[in-house]
Each structure stands twice: as structure tokens, then as C-alpha cells.
Protein backbone atom coordinates (compact mmCIF):
# COMPACT_ATOMS: atom_id res chain seq x y z
CA UNK A 1 -0.03 0.02 -0.04
CA UNK A 2 1.27 3.41 -0.85
CA UNK A 3 0.38 5.20 2.48
CA UNK A 4 -0.52 2.71 5.16
CA UNK A 5 -0.22 5.46 7.95
CA UNK A 6 -3.21 7.41 6.49
CA UNK A 7 -5.29 6.67 9.67
CA UNK A 8 -8.02 8.89 10.87
CA UNK A 9 -8.96 7.85 14.41
CA UNK A 10 -12.35 8.67 15.58
CA UNK A 11 -11.67 8.47 19.33
CA UNK A 12 -8.42 9.60 20.82
CA UNK A 13 -9.50 9.07 24.37
CA UNK A 14 -9.46 5.29 24.82
CA UNK A 15 -6.21 3.54 25.07
CA UNK A 16 -7.62 0.41 23.38
CA UNK A 17 -8.23 2.52 20.17
CA UNK A 18 -4.64 3.82 20.35
CA UNK A 19 -3.22 0.35 20.74
CA UNK A 20 -5.34 -1.06 17.76
CA UNK A 21 -4.27 1.88 15.59
CA UNK A 22 -0.62 1.40 16.35
CA UNK A 23 -0.85 -2.28 15.79
CA UNK A 24 -2.55 -1.83 12.56
CA UNK A 25 0.19 0.57 11.38
CA UNK A 26 2.69 -1.95 12.05
CA UNK A 27 0.88 -4.70 10.25
CA UNK A 28 0.12 -2.47 7.24
CA UNK A 29 3.85 -1.61 7.12
CA UNK A 30 4.57 -5.42 6.95
CA UNK A 31 2.08 -5.85 4.05
CA UNK A 32 3.62 -2.90 2.27
CA UNK A 33 6.99 -4.61 2.26
CA UNK A 34 5.45 -7.77 0.69
CA UNK A 35 3.28 -5.92 -1.86
CA UNK A 36 4.00 -6.31 -5.50
CA UNK A 37 1.47 -3.84 -6.77
CA UNK A 38 0.35 -0.39 -5.95
CA UNK A 39 -2.85 -1.02 -4.05
CA UNK A 40 -4.79 2.15 -3.03
CA UNK A 41 -4.15 3.60 0.46
CA UNK A 42 -6.79 3.19 2.96
CA UNK A 43 -8.05 5.82 5.19
CA UNK A 44 -9.02 4.13 8.54
CA UNK A 45 -11.38 5.14 11.32
CA UNK A 46 -11.42 3.22 14.48
CA UNK A 47 -14.22 3.56 17.13
CA UNK A 48 -14.46 1.77 20.41
CA UNK A 49 -18.06 0.52 20.07
CA UNK A 50 -21.01 0.96 17.71
CA UNK A 51 -24.21 -0.77 16.75
CA UNK A 52 -23.21 -1.88 13.17
CA UNK A 53 -20.22 -0.63 11.12
CA UNK A 54 -22.18 -1.27 7.99
CA UNK A 55 -25.16 0.89 9.16
CA UNK A 56 -22.73 3.60 10.13
CA UNK A 57 -20.77 3.43 6.83
CA UNK A 58 -23.81 3.30 4.61
CA UNK A 59 -25.28 6.32 6.30
CA UNK A 60 -21.90 8.28 5.92
CA UNK A 61 -21.74 7.39 2.26
CA UNK A 62 -25.25 8.68 1.67
CA UNK A 63 -24.36 11.83 3.53
CA UNK A 64 -21.19 12.24 1.34
CA UNK A 65 -18.99 11.90 4.50
CA UNK A 66 -17.03 8.72 3.61
CA UNK A 67 -14.78 8.30 0.51
CA UNK A 68 -13.81 5.33 -1.39
CA UNK A 69 -11.13 3.14 0.04
CA UNK A 70 -11.96 4.05 3.61
CA UNK A 71 -12.71 1.67 6.45
CA UNK A 72 -14.60 1.82 9.63
CA UNK A 73 -13.44 -0.60 12.35
CA UNK A 74 -15.21 -1.10 15.52
CA UNK A 75 -13.55 -2.74 18.70
CA UNK A 76 -16.93 -3.84 19.76
CA UNK A 77 -20.28 -4.09 17.86
CA UNK A 78 -23.60 -4.72 19.53
CA UNK A 79 -26.09 -4.84 16.52
CA UNK A 80 -24.25 -6.35 13.70
CA UNK A 81 -26.07 -7.59 10.70
CA UNK A 82 -25.30 -10.35 8.14
CA UNK A 83 -26.87 -11.65 4.99
CA UNK A 84 -30.68 -12.37 5.07
CA UNK A 85 -31.25 -9.95 8.07
CA UNK A 86 -29.38 -12.15 10.41
CA UNK A 87 -27.56 -10.79 13.43
CA UNK A 88 -23.85 -11.30 13.90
CA UNK A 89 -22.91 -11.61 17.59
CA UNK A 90 -19.56 -12.16 19.37
CA UNK A 91 -18.31 -11.53 22.91
CA UNK A 92 -16.58 -8.08 23.23
CA UNK A 93 -12.90 -8.10 22.12
CA UNK A 94 -13.14 -11.48 20.42
CA UNK A 95 -13.93 -10.63 16.82
CA UNK A 96 -12.98 -8.20 14.08
CA UNK A 97 -15.80 -5.86 12.91
CA UNK A 98 -15.01 -3.70 9.80
CA UNK A 99 -16.81 -2.03 6.94
CA UNK A 100 -14.92 -1.11 3.83
CA UNK A 101 -16.12 1.47 1.32
CA UNK A 102 -14.91 0.86 -2.24
CA UNK A 103 -15.93 2.27 -5.54
CA UNK A 104 -18.22 0.23 -7.80
CA UNK A 105 -16.01 -0.37 -10.73
CA UNK A 106 -17.93 -3.07 -12.53
CA UNK A 107 -20.94 -2.46 -14.79
CA UNK A 108 -24.39 -3.41 -13.61
CA UNK A 109 -24.43 -6.64 -15.53
CA UNK A 110 -21.54 -7.96 -13.30
CA UNK A 111 -22.55 -6.63 -9.95
CA UNK A 112 -23.30 -10.17 -8.85
CA UNK A 113 -19.56 -10.89 -8.93
CA UNK A 114 -18.87 -8.13 -6.33
CA UNK A 115 -19.96 -10.15 -3.27
CA UNK A 116 -17.97 -13.17 -4.51
CA UNK A 117 -14.74 -11.06 -4.86
CA UNK A 118 -15.41 -9.59 -1.46
CA UNK A 119 -15.43 -13.09 0.12
CA UNK A 120 -12.45 -14.23 -1.92
CA UNK A 121 -10.43 -11.19 -0.58
CA UNK A 122 -11.16 -12.22 2.99
CA UNK A 123 -10.38 -15.90 2.25
CA UNK A 124 -7.03 -14.82 0.58
CA UNK A 125 -6.15 -12.73 3.71
CA UNK A 126 -6.85 -15.60 6.14
CA UNK A 127 -4.96 -18.04 3.92
CA UNK A 128 -1.89 -15.71 4.08
CA UNK A 129 -2.14 -15.50 7.86
CA UNK A 130 -2.37 -19.35 8.03
CA UNK A 131 0.81 -19.75 6.06
CA UNK A 132 2.61 -17.22 8.18
CA UNK A 133 1.24 -18.15 11.71
CA UNK A 134 -0.66 -21.38 11.52
CA UNK A 135 0.47 -24.64 13.14
CA UNK A 136 2.77 -26.78 10.98
CA UNK A 137 1.20 -30.10 12.20
CA UNK A 138 -2.44 -29.14 11.48
CA UNK A 139 -2.46 -26.07 9.27
CA UNK A 140 -5.55 -23.89 9.02
CA UNK A 141 -7.20 -24.03 5.65
CA UNK A 142 -9.61 -21.26 4.47
CA UNK A 143 -12.26 -22.00 1.87
CA UNK A 144 -15.52 -20.33 0.66
CA UNK A 145 -19.20 -21.19 0.71
CA UNK A 146 -21.26 -19.51 -1.95
CA UNK A 147 -21.64 -16.61 -2.09
CA UNK A 148 -19.18 -15.34 0.39
CA UNK A 149 -19.07 -17.07 3.69
CA UNK A 150 -15.48 -17.85 4.73
CA UNK A 151 -15.02 -21.41 6.12
CA UNK A 152 -12.02 -22.61 8.18
CA UNK A 153 -10.69 -25.96 9.41
CA UNK A 154 -7.51 -26.83 11.09
CA UNK A 155 -6.17 -27.36 14.56
CA UNK A 156 -8.82 -29.19 16.42
CA UNK A 157 -11.42 -28.48 13.74
CA UNK A 158 -11.65 -31.11 11.00
CA UNK A 159 -14.64 -30.00 9.03
CA UNK A 160 -14.79 -26.63 7.35
CA UNK A 161 -16.92 -24.24 9.50
CA UNK A 162 -17.92 -20.64 9.31
CA UNK A 163 -15.37 -18.10 10.65
CA UNK A 164 -16.42 -15.06 8.70
CA UNK A 165 -19.47 -13.56 7.21
CA UNK A 166 -19.49 -10.84 4.59
CA UNK A 167 -22.21 -8.45 3.74
CA UNK A 168 -22.05 -6.17 0.64
CA UNK A 169 -24.35 -3.19 0.23
CA UNK A 170 -24.48 -0.75 -2.69
CA UNK A 171 -24.81 2.94 -2.20
CA UNK A 172 -24.91 5.10 -5.20
CA UNK A 173 -21.47 4.71 -6.81
CA UNK A 174 -19.97 2.83 -3.98
CA UNK A 175 -20.14 -0.50 -2.35
CA UNK A 176 -19.88 -1.15 1.50
CA UNK A 177 -18.35 -4.42 2.44
CA UNK A 178 -19.11 -5.48 5.93
CA UNK A 179 -16.80 -8.18 7.48
CA UNK A 180 -17.07 -9.96 10.74
CA UNK A 181 -14.33 -12.37 11.64
CA UNK A 182 -14.32 -14.67 14.71
CA UNK A 183 -10.72 -14.23 15.95
CA UNK A 184 -10.23 -15.40 19.62
CA UNK A 185 -13.37 -17.15 20.74
CA UNK A 186 -13.08 -20.30 22.75
CA UNK A 187 -15.54 -23.14 22.03
CA UNK A 188 -17.94 -22.22 24.78
CA UNK A 189 -18.13 -18.60 23.42
CA UNK A 190 -19.16 -19.43 19.87
CA UNK A 191 -22.71 -18.30 19.65
CA UNK A 192 -23.93 -20.16 16.46
CA UNK A 193 -23.77 -23.85 15.45
CA UNK A 194 -21.35 -24.85 12.77
CA UNK A 195 -19.15 -21.77 13.41
CA UNK A 196 -15.64 -21.61 14.66
CA UNK A 197 -12.80 -19.01 15.37
CA UNK A 198 -9.32 -18.52 14.07
CA UNK A 199 -7.96 -19.46 17.58
CA UNK A 200 -10.01 -22.84 17.56
CA UNK A 201 -8.36 -23.62 14.15
CA UNK A 202 -4.88 -23.09 15.60
CA UNK A 203 -4.40 -19.61 14.15
CA UNK A 204 -3.33 -17.32 17.10
CA UNK A 205 -3.30 -13.94 15.38
CA UNK A 206 -4.59 -10.52 16.56
CA UNK A 207 -7.49 -8.55 15.23
CA UNK A 208 -4.90 -5.99 13.81
CA UNK A 209 -3.17 -8.56 11.83
CA UNK A 210 -6.60 -9.82 10.38
CA UNK A 211 -7.56 -6.28 9.39
CA UNK A 212 -4.33 -5.58 7.69
CA UNK A 213 -4.45 -8.82 5.69
CA UNK A 214 -8.03 -8.16 4.59
CA UNK A 215 -7.44 -4.57 3.61
CA UNK A 216 -4.37 -5.55 1.51
CA UNK A 217 -6.40 -8.31 -0.35
CA UNK A 218 -9.45 -6.12 -1.03
CA UNK A 219 -7.21 -3.45 -2.31
CA UNK A 220 -5.48 -5.79 -4.61
CA UNK A 221 -8.56 -7.71 -5.87
CA UNK A 222 -11.13 -4.96 -6.18
CA UNK A 223 -9.68 -3.09 -9.27
CA UNK A 224 -9.90 -6.50 -11.19
CA UNK A 225 -13.64 -5.96 -11.46
CA UNK A 226 -13.20 -3.08 -13.88
CA UNK A 227 -12.24 -5.31 -16.85
CA UNK A 228 -13.48 -8.59 -18.28
CA UNK A 229 -10.06 -10.12 -18.01
CA UNK A 230 -9.81 -9.06 -14.36
CA UNK A 231 -13.17 -10.49 -13.60
CA UNK A 232 -12.26 -13.81 -15.38
CA UNK A 233 -9.12 -13.97 -13.28
CA UNK A 234 -10.97 -13.22 -10.02
CA UNK A 235 -13.70 -15.88 -10.75
CA UNK A 236 -11.22 -18.41 -11.72
CA UNK A 237 -9.55 -18.05 -8.29
CA UNK A 238 -12.95 -18.01 -6.54
CA UNK A 239 -13.98 -21.27 -8.21
CA UNK A 240 -10.67 -22.93 -7.04
CA UNK A 241 -11.44 -21.64 -3.40
CA UNK A 242 -15.10 -22.42 -3.35
CA UNK A 243 -16.00 -25.49 -1.16
CA UNK A 244 -19.57 -25.36 -2.54
CA UNK A 245 -18.71 -26.46 -6.12
CA UNK A 246 -19.13 -30.13 -6.41
CA UNK A 247 -21.14 -30.44 -3.34
CA UNK A 248 -24.66 -31.75 -2.63
CA UNK A 249 -26.47 -28.70 -1.16
CA UNK A 250 -29.90 -27.62 0.09
CA UNK A 251 -30.73 -24.05 -1.15
CA UNK A 252 -33.30 -22.30 1.05
CA UNK A 253 -35.12 -19.72 -1.07
CA UNK A 254 -37.04 -18.57 1.93
CA UNK A 255 -37.94 -20.14 5.40
CA UNK A 256 -40.39 -22.51 3.91
CA UNK A 257 -39.09 -23.31 0.48
CA UNK A 258 -35.86 -25.21 -0.36
CA UNK A 259 -34.42 -27.45 -3.13
CA UNK A 260 -31.68 -29.95 -3.13
CA UNK A 261 -29.20 -30.81 -5.75
CA UNK A 262 -25.50 -30.98 -6.87
CA UNK A 263 -23.57 -27.74 -7.51
CA UNK A 264 -22.14 -27.71 -11.02
CA UNK A 265 -20.36 -24.31 -11.05
CA UNK A 266 -20.52 -20.68 -10.41
CA UNK A 267 -21.63 -18.61 -13.49
CA UNK A 268 -19.77 -15.72 -14.92
CA UNK A 269 -22.44 -13.42 -13.48
CA UNK A 270 -21.89 -14.91 -9.93
CA UNK A 271 -25.05 -17.04 -9.89
CA UNK A 272 -24.90 -20.63 -8.45
CA UNK A 273 -25.57 -23.41 -10.89
CA UNK A 274 -27.24 -26.42 -9.34
CA UNK A 275 -28.43 -29.68 -10.91
CA UNK A 276 -31.97 -30.28 -9.39
CA UNK A 277 -33.48 -33.54 -10.45
CA UNK A 278 -31.64 -33.55 -13.78
CA UNK A 279 -32.44 -29.81 -14.56
CA UNK A 280 -29.80 -27.06 -14.24
CA UNK A 281 -31.15 -24.21 -12.17
CA UNK A 282 -29.55 -20.89 -11.48
CA UNK A 283 -29.76 -19.13 -8.17
CA UNK A 284 -28.90 -15.41 -7.73
CA UNK A 285 -29.59 -15.64 -3.96
CA UNK A 286 -30.47 -18.00 -1.28
CA UNK A 287 -29.14 -19.58 1.89
CA UNK A 288 -26.92 -22.63 0.91
CA UNK A 289 -26.49 -25.55 3.27
CA UNK A 290 -23.77 -28.06 2.52
CA UNK A 291 -25.16 -31.66 3.09
CA UNK A 292 -22.77 -34.18 4.55
């Protein structure tokens, strides 16, 4: 990144905010030394506590108060939201909550690829951390569940389980990417079934390290959406990292309607292709459950 010290801190009174800011600067410096391309500089705001970083960031974009390639990070979040109006909960201090504002660089025909690339960026970041800090004997492995849930296994977790949720919202000419990552929760503090944390998968890293890794990857991947060649490159990597492809799944269209089938592929527009009783069907949205 060109200017990783471009940090705007929303509160200078709490030591925890200062500590996070200083740790994030150090981690962004480390990523800058490894970067092979000129990703955009991020302007970072850190707050001690909020309801939802996405709600705040969306409101600021609408008011013209937040620019592209800026990010809002909360050390604690009490009313987080995920896809399909779900809540995202985690004990204070155990998870990373951030919302990144990026420009919409793809044309409207390819907006369905944006959520996939957002998830891919997080998966990339966690994979890089796993290589650097994961256990050698049982390395953590990050994959994706369509469209953009990040799954992780490793350490004492044998089956890929959800470690991160991603929510993308469009506002005028910008997209707001909300990310919630379970970082240090112990098993008894995991709120939802079939979820895990980085720590449970043997990945002992800080929230600052996770934030820096995610920002670097979003900055690197997002400009690819502007061209057909870039989108093809990102989608090819997404397909390689997507654990849903080739699986038998149940797709919930709403609380009372679901279909089952085998996933054939992810289409170039981001839709999921599922063979349902011999007929290929496309799904632009829906809650996907991997069948054992």
C-alpha cells in the first residue's frame, strides 16, 4: 500500500483505540513490504463501540461523508447484521468488525460478482495468515461457501466451519463491504452452531493482523472488477477456493421453500448453478447448506 499510515482515528481518548491503531500501522507496514503492486491507500477510522459498522458506513456514504477506500473498524459491535437480515454476535474483544467503502467499478451486468470477490479477498487474507502463523502439524485452511461465507478448518477443527460473514451493500456509486471475523473465541463462546474461530483452528493472530491482511487483499482484488480479463481472473480463483462447487446442497429460497441438488459451477455473473433432479437451475440468492 502506498500510504498505510493514512489513519483517521475517531476517538483519541481510549487506550484500546490507540493500541489498535498502532498495531494496525505496524501490520500494514509489513504488508507494504510484501506488496508487488500499488494498491490504494486506506483511510482508517477506529471507534471503540458501535451498533453496526455497515449501518454507520452506509449512512456516511449517503451523506457524502465517507470516501472510497476508507474503512470503519469497531472494537465492539452490539447490533451487527449479516446476510438475510441475520444478526452477527460475538463477545466483546473476540472478533473483528469492519466495513470497507470501495468504488463500484464493474458495470451493472456484473454486480453479482462483487460479493464473491469480497469473500475471496477475506479468504485470501486468512490463507496468508495461516501460512505465516498457522500450526505446521495441522495447518488452518480457508475456503468459501457461496456466495461469500469464509470457512476454516485446522487445529482441532476437522470440518470446514464458518469463521467469517461478509455483507455487501451498494450505495450510489460505492459498495460497502461489511466483514465480521471470529478471531479469539473459545468453543464455549461461539454463539452459532457450525461456526468456529481462528484460535480454535490453531491460528493465534490479533485483530490488527486480520484487518491488515483483509485490507491488503481487497485493495489488490477490487480493481480487477473493472475489466473482463480481471473478472475472469478473480472468478477462476474464486472457483478454486469455493467449497460449494461439487457439493450436494440444500438451497433455502425462504424459510419454507428449499431445493436440493448438486452444484455444477458458479456462473460468470456470480449465480450458483445447481443440478436439481436432472435440470440445471440458477440461483442469484438463497441460503446454501452443505449436505454431509
